[in-house]
N, C-alpha and C. Protein backbone atom coordinates (compact mmCIF):
# COMPACT_ATOMS: atom_id res chain seq x y z
N MET A 1 5.12 -33.21 1.84
CA MET A 1 4.30 -33.61 1.91
C MET A 1 3.33 -34.16 0.16
N ASN A 2 2.51 -34.62 1.27
CA ASN A 2 2.11 -36.04 0.01
C ASN A 2 1.59 -34.87 -1.66
N ASP A 3 1.64 -36.21 -2.40
CA ASP A 3 0.97 -35.06 -4.30
C ASP A 3 -0.38 -34.42 -3.20
N ASP A 4 -1.35 -34.76 -3.03
CA ASP A 4 -2.86 -34.35 -2.67
C ASP A 4 -2.77 -34.12 -1.39
N PRO A 5 -2.76 -32.71 -0.92
CA PRO A 5 -3.36 -33.12 0.70
C PRO A 5 -5.02 -32.60 1.50
N SER A 6 -5.04 -33.96 1.80
CA SER A 6 -6.28 -33.75 2.32
C SER A 6 -6.91 -32.52 3.02
N CYS A 7 -6.07 -31.46 3.70
CA CYS A 7 -6.10 -30.51 4.14
C CYS A 7 -6.11 -28.98 3.80
N SER A 8 -7.37 -28.40 3.71
CA SER A 8 -6.88 -27.52 2.96
C SER A 8 -6.02 -26.36 2.99
N ILE A 9 -5.79 -26.07 4.07
CA ILE A 9 -4.40 -25.33 4.97
C ILE A 9 -3.20 -25.31 3.72
N GLU A 10 -2.93 -26.88 4.30
CA GLU A 10 -1.83 -26.98 2.88
C GLU A 10 -1.59 -26.88 1.39
N ARG A 11 -2.91 -27.64 0.87
CA ARG A 11 -2.60 -26.65 -0.38
C ARG A 11 -2.94 -25.77 -0.49
N THR A 12 -3.44 -25.10 0.00
CA THR A 12 -3.35 -23.17 0.12
C THR A 12 -1.85 -22.67 0.27
N LEU A 13 -0.78 -23.56 0.82
CA LEU A 13 0.66 -23.00 1.61
C LEU A 13 1.46 -23.51 0.46
N CYS A 14 0.96 -24.75 -0.17
CA CYS A 14 1.97 -24.64 -1.37
C CYS A 14 1.31 -23.71 -2.59
N VAL A 15 0.83 -22.72 -3.15
CA VAL A 15 0.83 -22.34 -3.29
C VAL A 15 0.95 -20.76 -3.44
N VAL A 16 0.28 -21.19 -1.88
CA VAL A 16 0.97 -19.03 -1.83
C VAL A 16 1.50 -18.97 -0.12
N GLY A 17 2.01 -20.05 0.25
CA GLY A 17 3.30 -20.23 1.59
C GLY A 17 4.57 -19.55 1.28
N GLU A 18 5.09 -18.97 0.91
CA GLU A 18 6.11 -18.34 0.69
C GLU A 18 6.45 -17.30 0.75
N ARG A 19 7.08 -16.57 1.68
CA ARG A 19 7.05 -14.99 2.05
C ARG A 19 6.71 -14.01 0.98
N TRP A 20 7.32 -14.40 -0.33
CA TRP A 20 7.97 -13.14 -1.69
C TRP A 20 6.15 -13.41 -1.91
N THR A 21 5.44 -14.78 -2.10
CA THR A 21 4.30 -14.41 -2.22
C THR A 21 3.86 -13.84 -1.89
N PHE A 22 3.11 -14.16 -0.65
CA PHE A 22 2.32 -12.85 0.23
C PHE A 22 3.11 -12.03 -0.63
N LEU A 23 3.70 -11.17 -0.67
CA LEU A 23 4.44 -9.62 -0.33
C LEU A 23 4.38 -9.61 -2.14
N VAL A 24 4.21 -10.38 -3.13
CA VAL A 24 3.92 -10.21 -3.83
C VAL A 24 2.08 -10.07 -4.39
N LEU A 25 1.63 -10.76 -3.63
CA LEU A 25 0.04 -10.39 -3.54
C LEU A 25 -0.61 -9.23 -2.69
N ARG A 26 0.04 -8.92 -2.10
CA ARG A 26 -0.02 -7.49 -0.78
C ARG A 26 0.10 -6.73 -2.65
N GLU A 27 0.43 -6.31 -3.40
CA GLU A 27 1.33 -5.29 -4.11
C GLU A 27 0.53 -4.86 -4.99
N ALA A 28 0.49 -6.28 -6.14
CA ALA A 28 -0.58 -6.83 -6.88
C ALA A 28 -2.31 -6.07 -6.22
N LEU A 29 -2.39 -6.27 -4.87
CA LEU A 29 -3.71 -5.93 -4.32
C LEU A 29 -3.53 -4.25 -4.43
N SER A 30 -2.83 -3.39 -4.40
CA SER A 30 -2.32 -2.25 -4.13
C SER A 30 -2.39 -1.41 -5.44
N GLY A 31 -2.11 -2.93 -6.82
CA GLY A 31 -2.63 -1.97 -7.71
C GLY A 31 -1.78 -1.79 -8.87
N ARG A 32 -0.82 -2.84 -8.20
CA ARG A 32 0.82 -2.79 -9.51
C ARG A 32 0.69 -3.78 -10.16
N THR A 33 1.29 -4.86 -11.62
CA THR A 33 0.90 -5.33 -12.31
C THR A 33 1.85 -5.76 -13.11
N ARG A 34 2.81 -4.89 -12.67
CA ARG A 34 3.71 -4.97 -14.04
C ARG A 34 5.48 -5.65 -13.03
N PHE A 35 6.31 -6.86 -14.15
CA PHE A 35 6.97 -7.32 -13.32
C PHE A 35 7.59 -5.96 -13.03
N ALA A 36 8.11 -5.08 -13.51
CA ALA A 36 9.09 -4.32 -13.21
C ALA A 36 9.22 -3.39 -11.99
N GLU A 37 7.46 -3.11 -12.19
CA GLU A 37 7.13 -3.00 -10.18
C GLU A 37 7.44 -3.57 -9.28
N PHE A 38 6.87 -4.78 -9.06
CA PHE A 38 6.92 -5.69 -8.63
C PHE A 38 8.73 -5.57 -7.89
N ARG A 39 9.25 -5.52 -8.44
CA ARG A 39 10.60 -6.06 -8.70
C ARG A 39 11.38 -4.91 -7.77
N ASP A 40 11.05 -3.39 -8.35
CA ASP A 40 11.62 -2.14 -7.70
C ASP A 40 10.98 -2.05 -6.59
N VAL A 41 9.15 -2.64 -5.75
CA VAL A 41 9.25 -2.06 -5.51
C VAL A 41 9.75 -2.36 -4.12
N LEU A 42 9.68 -4.13 -4.23
CA LEU A 42 9.85 -5.76 -3.20
C LEU A 42 11.77 -5.92 -3.13
N GLY A 43 12.26 -5.34 -4.03
CA GLY A 43 13.20 -5.54 -4.32
C GLY A 43 13.89 -6.91 -4.63
N ILE A 44 12.88 -7.83 -5.29
CA ILE A 44 12.72 -9.11 -5.70
C ILE A 44 14.05 -9.36 -5.93
N ALA A 45 14.62 -10.90 -6.06
CA ALA A 45 15.45 -11.30 -7.55
C ALA A 45 14.80 -11.35 -8.39
N PRO A 46 15.23 -11.30 -9.63
CA PRO A 46 14.09 -11.48 -10.35
C PRO A 46 13.35 -12.83 -11.48
N ASP A 47 15.39 -13.40 -11.07
CA ASP A 47 14.69 -15.32 -11.16
C ASP A 47 13.16 -15.92 -9.95
N VAL A 48 14.06 -14.83 -8.29
CA VAL A 48 12.21 -15.62 -7.33
C VAL A 48 11.47 -15.17 -7.62
N LEU A 49 11.46 -13.48 -8.21
CA LEU A 49 9.61 -13.30 -8.95
C LEU A 49 9.48 -13.88 -9.97
N SER A 50 10.30 -14.38 -10.72
CA SER A 50 9.12 -15.30 -11.45
C SER A 50 8.59 -16.37 -11.47
N ASP A 51 9.06 -16.69 -10.70
CA ASP A 51 9.00 -18.15 -10.04
C ASP A 51 7.87 -18.31 -8.78
N ARG A 52 7.71 -16.85 -8.95
CA ARG A 52 6.12 -17.11 -7.72
C ARG A 52 5.12 -16.15 -9.30
N LEU A 53 5.28 -15.22 -9.91
CA LEU A 53 4.75 -15.82 -10.73
C LEU A 53 4.19 -15.84 -11.42
N ALA A 54 5.01 -17.29 -11.99
CA ALA A 54 4.50 -18.20 -12.33
C ALA A 54 3.96 -19.14 -11.59
N LYS A 55 3.55 -18.89 -10.17
CA LYS A 55 2.89 -20.31 -9.74
C LYS A 55 1.90 -20.43 -9.53
N LEU A 56 1.14 -18.23 -9.14
CA LEU A 56 0.58 -17.30 -8.90
C LEU A 56 -0.41 -17.52 -10.25
N VAL A 57 0.06 -17.97 -11.17
CA VAL A 57 -0.33 -17.98 -12.80
C VAL A 57 -1.42 -19.26 -12.51
N GLU A 58 0.42 -20.07 -12.74
CA GLU A 58 -0.75 -21.61 -12.38
C GLU A 58 -1.81 -21.95 -11.90
N HIS A 59 -1.91 -21.46 -10.68
CA HIS A 59 -2.98 -21.56 -10.59
C HIS A 59 -4.28 -20.67 -10.24
N GLY A 60 -4.34 -19.59 -11.13
CA GLY A 60 -5.54 -19.11 -10.77
C GLY A 60 -5.00 -17.70 -10.41
N VAL A 61 -4.07 -17.06 -9.73
CA VAL A 61 -3.92 -16.39 -8.89
C VAL A 61 -4.09 -14.91 -9.51
N LEU A 62 -3.42 -15.37 -10.81
CA LEU A 62 -2.90 -13.97 -11.61
C LEU A 62 -3.24 -14.26 -12.52
N THR A 63 -3.71 -14.06 -13.59
CA THR A 63 -3.80 -13.64 -15.10
C THR A 63 -2.58 -12.83 -16.48
N ARG A 64 -1.89 -13.63 -16.62
CA ARG A 64 -0.50 -13.06 -17.71
C ARG A 64 -1.27 -11.96 -18.81
N GLU A 65 -1.63 -11.04 -19.20
CA GLU A 65 -1.61 -10.20 -19.90
C GLU A 65 -0.81 -9.51 -20.67
N PRO A 66 -0.21 -10.01 -21.89
CA PRO A 66 0.44 -9.01 -22.93
C PRO A 66 0.55 -7.71 -23.19
N TYR A 67 0.97 -6.97 -22.88
CA TYR A 67 0.98 -5.12 -23.79
C TYR A 67 1.99 -4.95 -24.20
N ARG A 68 2.02 -4.21 -24.67
CA ARG A 68 3.63 -3.16 -25.43
C ARG A 68 3.97 -1.47 -25.31
N GLU A 69 4.70 -1.23 -25.18
CA GLU A 69 4.65 0.56 -24.83
C GLU A 69 5.54 -0.10 -25.94
N PRO A 70 4.99 1.65 -27.39
CA PRO A 70 5.75 2.41 -28.42
C PRO A 70 7.39 2.40 -27.63
N GLY A 71 8.30 1.42 -29.34
CA GLY A 71 9.50 0.88 -29.02
C GLY A 71 10.28 -0.12 -28.54
N SER A 72 8.85 -0.36 -27.88
CA SER A 72 8.82 -1.30 -26.74
C SER A 72 9.45 -3.15 -27.23
N ARG A 73 9.50 -4.04 -26.50
CA ARG A 73 9.18 -5.57 -26.57
C ARG A 73 7.97 -6.02 -25.99
N THR A 74 7.15 -7.08 -26.24
CA THR A 74 6.18 -7.21 -25.90
C THR A 74 6.56 -7.28 -23.97
N ARG A 75 5.51 -7.37 -22.70
CA ARG A 75 5.92 -7.94 -22.05
C ARG A 75 4.84 -7.75 -21.32
N HIS A 76 4.47 -8.56 -20.42
CA HIS A 76 3.21 -8.67 -19.15
C HIS A 76 2.71 -8.61 -18.75
N ALA A 77 1.60 -8.23 -18.34
CA ALA A 77 1.18 -7.60 -16.95
C ALA A 77 0.45 -8.95 -16.13
N TYR A 78 0.31 -8.62 -14.95
CA TYR A 78 -0.41 -9.56 -13.69
C TYR A 78 -1.52 -9.06 -13.00
N ARG A 79 -2.50 -9.96 -13.02
CA ARG A 79 -3.72 -9.23 -13.03
C ARG A 79 -4.50 -9.62 -11.77
N LEU A 80 -4.92 -10.02 -10.86
CA LEU A 80 -5.71 -10.59 -9.90
C LEU A 80 -7.33 -10.81 -10.89
N THR A 81 -6.74 -12.34 -10.06
CA THR A 81 -8.53 -12.79 -10.95
C THR A 81 -9.44 -13.19 -9.14
N PRO A 82 -10.91 -13.39 -9.78
CA PRO A 82 -11.41 -13.21 -8.38
C PRO A 82 -10.58 -14.39 -7.08
N ALA A 83 -9.94 -14.82 -7.02
CA ALA A 83 -9.15 -16.23 -6.38
C ALA A 83 -7.91 -15.28 -5.57
N GLY A 84 -7.46 -13.64 -6.53
CA GLY A 84 -6.69 -13.80 -6.30
C GLY A 84 -7.11 -12.52 -5.13
N HIS A 85 -8.46 -11.85 -5.23
CA HIS A 85 -8.94 -10.70 -4.53
C HIS A 85 -9.38 -11.12 -3.65
N ASP A 86 -9.68 -12.58 -3.77
CA ASP A 86 -9.99 -13.22 -2.42
C ASP A 86 -9.27 -12.94 -1.32
N LEU A 87 -8.35 -13.58 -1.83
CA LEU A 87 -7.00 -13.37 -0.64
C LEU A 87 -6.83 -12.05 -0.48
N ALA A 88 -7.35 -11.36 -0.66
CA ALA A 88 -7.20 -10.01 0.22
C ALA A 88 -7.63 -10.29 2.29
N VAL A 89 -7.91 -11.35 1.87
CA VAL A 89 -8.72 -11.41 3.80
C VAL A 89 -7.55 -11.73 4.44
N VAL A 90 -6.95 -12.69 3.88
CA VAL A 90 -5.77 -14.08 4.61
C VAL A 90 -4.75 -12.62 4.23
N LEU A 91 -4.44 -11.65 3.30
CA LEU A 91 -3.29 -10.67 3.47
C LEU A 91 -4.22 -9.40 4.94
N GLY A 92 -5.28 -9.52 4.74
CA GLY A 92 -5.76 -8.24 6.05
C GLY A 92 -5.82 -9.24 7.34
N ALA A 93 -5.83 -10.84 7.59
CA ALA A 93 -5.95 -10.97 8.35
C ALA A 93 -4.46 -11.38 9.25
N LEU A 94 -3.52 -11.75 8.48
CA LEU A 94 -2.41 -11.26 8.69
C LEU A 94 -1.20 -10.34 9.39
N GLN A 95 -2.38 -9.15 8.19
CA GLN A 95 -1.72 -7.38 8.58
C GLN A 95 -2.46 -7.40 10.29
N GLN A 96 -3.83 -7.72 10.12
CA GLN A 96 -4.04 -7.73 11.84
C GLN A 96 -3.23 -8.02 12.93
N TRP A 97 -3.12 -9.87 12.05
CA TRP A 97 -2.15 -9.76 13.66
C TRP A 97 -1.21 -9.41 13.72
N GLY A 98 0.14 -9.03 12.90
CA GLY A 98 0.94 -8.29 13.17
C GLY A 98 0.59 -7.09 13.60
N ASP A 99 -0.35 -6.61 13.35
CA ASP A 99 -0.65 -5.53 14.39
C ASP A 99 -0.61 -5.39 15.25
N ARG A 100 -0.66 -6.08 15.90
CA ARG A 100 -1.31 -6.90 17.25
C ARG A 100 -0.60 -7.18 18.15
N TYR A 101 0.02 -8.30 17.43
CA TYR A 101 1.35 -9.42 18.82
C TYR A 101 2.52 -8.65 17.94
N LEU A 102 2.81 -8.33 16.35
CA LEU A 102 4.46 -7.28 16.25
C LEU A 102 4.51 -6.08 15.81
N PRO A 103 3.87 -5.11 16.76
CA PRO A 103 4.19 -3.82 15.81
C PRO A 103 4.98 -2.88 16.13
N ARG A 104 4.87 -1.77 15.46
CA ARG A 104 5.53 -1.22 14.94
C ARG A 104 5.55 -0.45 16.64
N PRO A 105 6.85 0.75 16.82
CA PRO A 105 6.38 1.79 18.19
C PRO A 105 5.40 2.61 16.98
N SER A 106 5.74 3.00 15.91
CA SER A 106 5.14 4.04 15.46
C SER A 106 3.70 3.56 14.68
N GLY A 107 3.01 3.27 15.21
CA GLY A 107 1.87 2.47 13.88
C GLY A 107 1.50 2.31 13.82
N PRO A 108 0.50 0.88 12.68
CA PRO A 108 0.25 0.79 11.95
C PRO A 108 0.94 1.62 10.27
N THR A 109 1.35 0.78 9.21
CA THR A 109 1.55 1.48 7.84
C THR A 109 0.53 1.63 7.05
N ILE A 110 -0.70 0.75 7.44
CA ILE A 110 -1.00 0.84 6.04
C ILE A 110 -3.14 0.87 7.69
N GLU A 111 -3.99 0.73 8.20
CA GLU A 111 -5.14 0.58 7.92
C GLU A 111 -6.37 0.16 6.97
N ARG A 112 -6.72 -0.85 7.71
CA ARG A 112 -8.23 -1.56 7.71
C ARG A 112 -9.28 -0.42 7.80
N ARG A 113 -10.44 0.15 6.19
CA ARG A 113 -10.99 0.51 6.42
C ARG A 113 -12.43 0.49 5.18
N GLN A 114 -13.30 0.90 5.87
CA GLN A 114 -14.74 0.82 4.59
C GLN A 114 -14.14 1.36 3.98
N ARG A 115 -14.66 2.03 2.36
CA ARG A 115 -14.45 2.01 1.21
C ARG A 115 -14.90 4.10 1.73
N GLU A 116 -16.48 3.50 1.70
CA GLU A 116 -17.29 4.00 0.67
C GLU A 116 -17.37 5.69 3.25
N THR A 117 -17.55 4.79 3.95
CA THR A 117 -17.90 5.71 5.21
C THR A 117 -15.88 6.61 5.90
N GLY A 118 -15.02 5.47 5.04
CA GLY A 118 -13.84 5.21 6.34
C GLY A 118 -14.20 5.05 7.73
N ALA A 119 -14.51 3.91 8.51
CA ALA A 119 -15.30 3.51 9.22
C ALA A 119 -13.73 1.94 9.07
N PRO A 120 -12.79 2.30 10.34
CA PRO A 120 -12.00 0.68 10.19
C PRO A 120 -13.13 0.10 10.21
N VAL A 121 -12.16 -1.22 10.12
CA VAL A 121 -12.77 -3.20 9.36
C VAL A 121 -12.15 -3.46 10.36
N HIS A 122 -12.54 -5.06 10.51
CA HIS A 122 -11.75 -5.66 11.08
C HIS A 122 -11.71 -7.16 10.26
N VAL A 123 -11.07 -8.09 10.09
CA VAL A 123 -10.66 -9.39 9.76
C VAL A 123 -11.05 -10.17 10.85
N GLY A 124 -12.79 -10.84 10.46
CA GLY A 124 -13.42 -11.50 11.41
C GLY A 124 -14.34 -13.06 10.86
N PHE A 125 -14.84 -14.25 11.51
CA PHE A 125 -15.21 -15.47 11.65
C PHE A 125 -16.89 -14.66 11.05
N VAL A 126 -17.41 -14.70 10.26
CA VAL A 126 -19.19 -14.58 10.42
C VAL A 126 -19.33 -15.85 9.35
N ALA A 127 -21.02 -15.91 10.58
CA ALA A 127 -21.96 -17.17 10.47
C ALA A 127 -22.39 -16.84 8.67
N ASP A 128 -23.02 -16.95 8.22
CA ASP A 128 -24.11 -17.24 7.07
C ASP A 128 -24.98 -16.67 7.16
N ASP A 129 -25.38 -16.50 7.74
CA ASP A 129 -26.37 -15.15 8.32
C ASP A 129 -25.92 -13.35 9.04
N GLY A 130 -24.96 -13.47 8.00
CA GLY A 130 -24.01 -12.10 7.98
C GLY A 130 -23.66 -11.79 9.83
N ARG A 131 -23.97 -12.60 10.53
CA ARG A 131 -23.07 -12.06 12.17
C ARG A 131 -21.71 -11.96 11.96
N GLU A 132 -21.97 -11.32 13.00
CA GLU A 132 -19.76 -11.91 13.32
C GLU A 132 -19.98 -13.23 14.50
N VAL A 133 -19.04 -13.89 14.46
CA VAL A 133 -19.43 -15.29 15.05
C VAL A 133 -17.74 -14.62 16.12
N ALA A 134 -17.60 -14.05 17.54
CA ALA A 134 -16.80 -14.26 18.45
C ALA A 134 -15.69 -15.60 17.76
N LEU A 135 -14.17 -15.10 18.30
CA LEU A 135 -13.56 -16.38 17.86
C LEU A 135 -13.31 -17.56 19.02
N PRO A 136 -13.63 -17.53 20.12
CA PRO A 136 -14.01 -18.80 21.05
C PRO A 136 -15.39 -19.62 21.06
N ASP A 137 -16.16 -19.19 20.52
CA ASP A 137 -17.54 -19.46 19.57
C ASP A 137 -16.62 -19.99 17.94
N VAL A 138 -16.08 -20.25 17.79
CA VAL A 138 -15.43 -21.06 16.05
C VAL A 138 -14.51 -22.56 16.63
N GLU A 139 -15.04 -22.96 16.11
CA GLU A 139 -14.38 -24.26 16.79
C GLU A 139 -14.25 -24.94 14.66
N PHE A 140 -12.74 -25.79 14.51
CA PHE A 140 -13.14 -26.55 13.17
C PHE A 140 -12.91 -28.05 13.12
N ALA A 141 -13.64 -28.51 13.10
CA ALA A 141 -14.32 -29.12 13.02
C ALA A 141 -14.47 -30.57 12.40
N ARG A 142 -13.66 -31.66 12.62
CA ARG A 142 -13.12 -32.83 11.31
C ARG A 142 -13.91 -32.97 10.67
N THR A 143 -14.23 -33.63 9.06
CA THR A 143 -15.47 -34.13 7.98
C THR A 143 -15.00 -34.83 7.64
N PRO A 144 -15.68 -35.18 7.49
CA PRO A 144 -15.66 -37.34 7.80
C PRO A 144 -15.06 -37.70 5.99
N ALA A 145 -15.13 -36.15 5.43
CA ALA A 145 -14.04 -35.95 4.35
C ALA A 145 -12.28 -36.36 5.27
N LEU A 146 -12.17 -35.67 5.95
CA LEU A 146 -10.94 -35.99 6.33
C LEU A 146 -10.16 -37.40 6.68
N PRO A 147 -9.31 -38.30 6.49
CA PRO A 147 -8.67 -39.46 6.77
C PRO A 147 -8.51 -39.12 7.88
N ALA A 148 -8.80 -40.55 8.55
CA ALA A 148 -8.01 -40.71 10.26
C ALA A 148 -7.11 -40.29 10.24
N ALA A 149 -5.93 -40.89 9.37
CA ALA A 149 -5.13 -40.90 9.43
C ALA A 149 -3.57 -39.22 10.06
N ARG A 150 -4.84 -38.81 9.56
CA ARG A 150 -4.82 -37.35 8.38
C ARG A 150 -4.90 -36.12 9.57
N ALA A 151 -5.91 -36.28 10.92
CA ALA A 151 -7.14 -36.16 11.70
C ALA A 151 -6.35 -35.42 13.06
N PRO A 152 -6.08 -33.96 12.87
CA PRO A 152 -6.18 -33.52 13.98
C PRO A 152 -5.83 -34.12 15.35
N ALA A 153 -5.55 -34.00 16.49
CA ALA A 153 -5.36 -34.46 17.56
C ALA A 153 -6.77 -34.81 17.99
N GLN A 154 -6.81 -34.18 18.79
CA GLN A 154 -7.85 -33.28 19.07
C GLN A 154 -8.51 -31.76 19.09
N PRO A 155 -9.32 -32.31 17.66
CA PRO A 155 -10.26 -30.72 17.08
C PRO A 155 -11.35 -30.19 18.52
N GLY A 156 -11.02 -29.41 18.18
CA GLY A 156 -11.59 -27.81 18.90
C GLY A 156 -10.93 -26.78 18.48
N PRO A 157 -11.62 -25.46 20.04
CA PRO A 157 -12.01 -24.49 19.40
C PRO A 157 -10.49 -23.88 18.83
N VAL A 158 -10.94 -22.59 17.97
CA VAL A 158 -9.17 -22.36 17.79
C VAL A 158 -9.44 -21.27 19.26
N ARG A 159 -7.82 -21.09 19.50
CA ARG A 159 -8.04 -20.35 20.34
C ARG A 159 -6.55 -19.06 20.16
């Protein structure tokens, strides 16, 4: 990868593109904030977890806030920023894809629902006017900002 990737996907993957990072984000979106909680639930090695949390803090996905329980040393809680909360859509899309193409025989372990009504929801493309756009009608079109050398060979609809 070059130092300043022109592709938004590539830049994003530089921050969140590792398996453990997505799982840390999943737990943060579930309300976990403490190092020990992440470590215990995920079974992740402490050095790997430290690295993933540091990267998320560095890139403004999480904030690091000190706390201290009586009789203990100061530790840090990790809280999602608005950028971190926005990744819920990405995780929801990954979950939706996994539920469809890699289903568990017993069904999904988590369902996406509207908080107020409990009605099921799905991740999709939404036009600025609020209406959903069907996948065959979505295209990823090159902009003038994309250098020709890095442009996709044939931009077109996402299938």
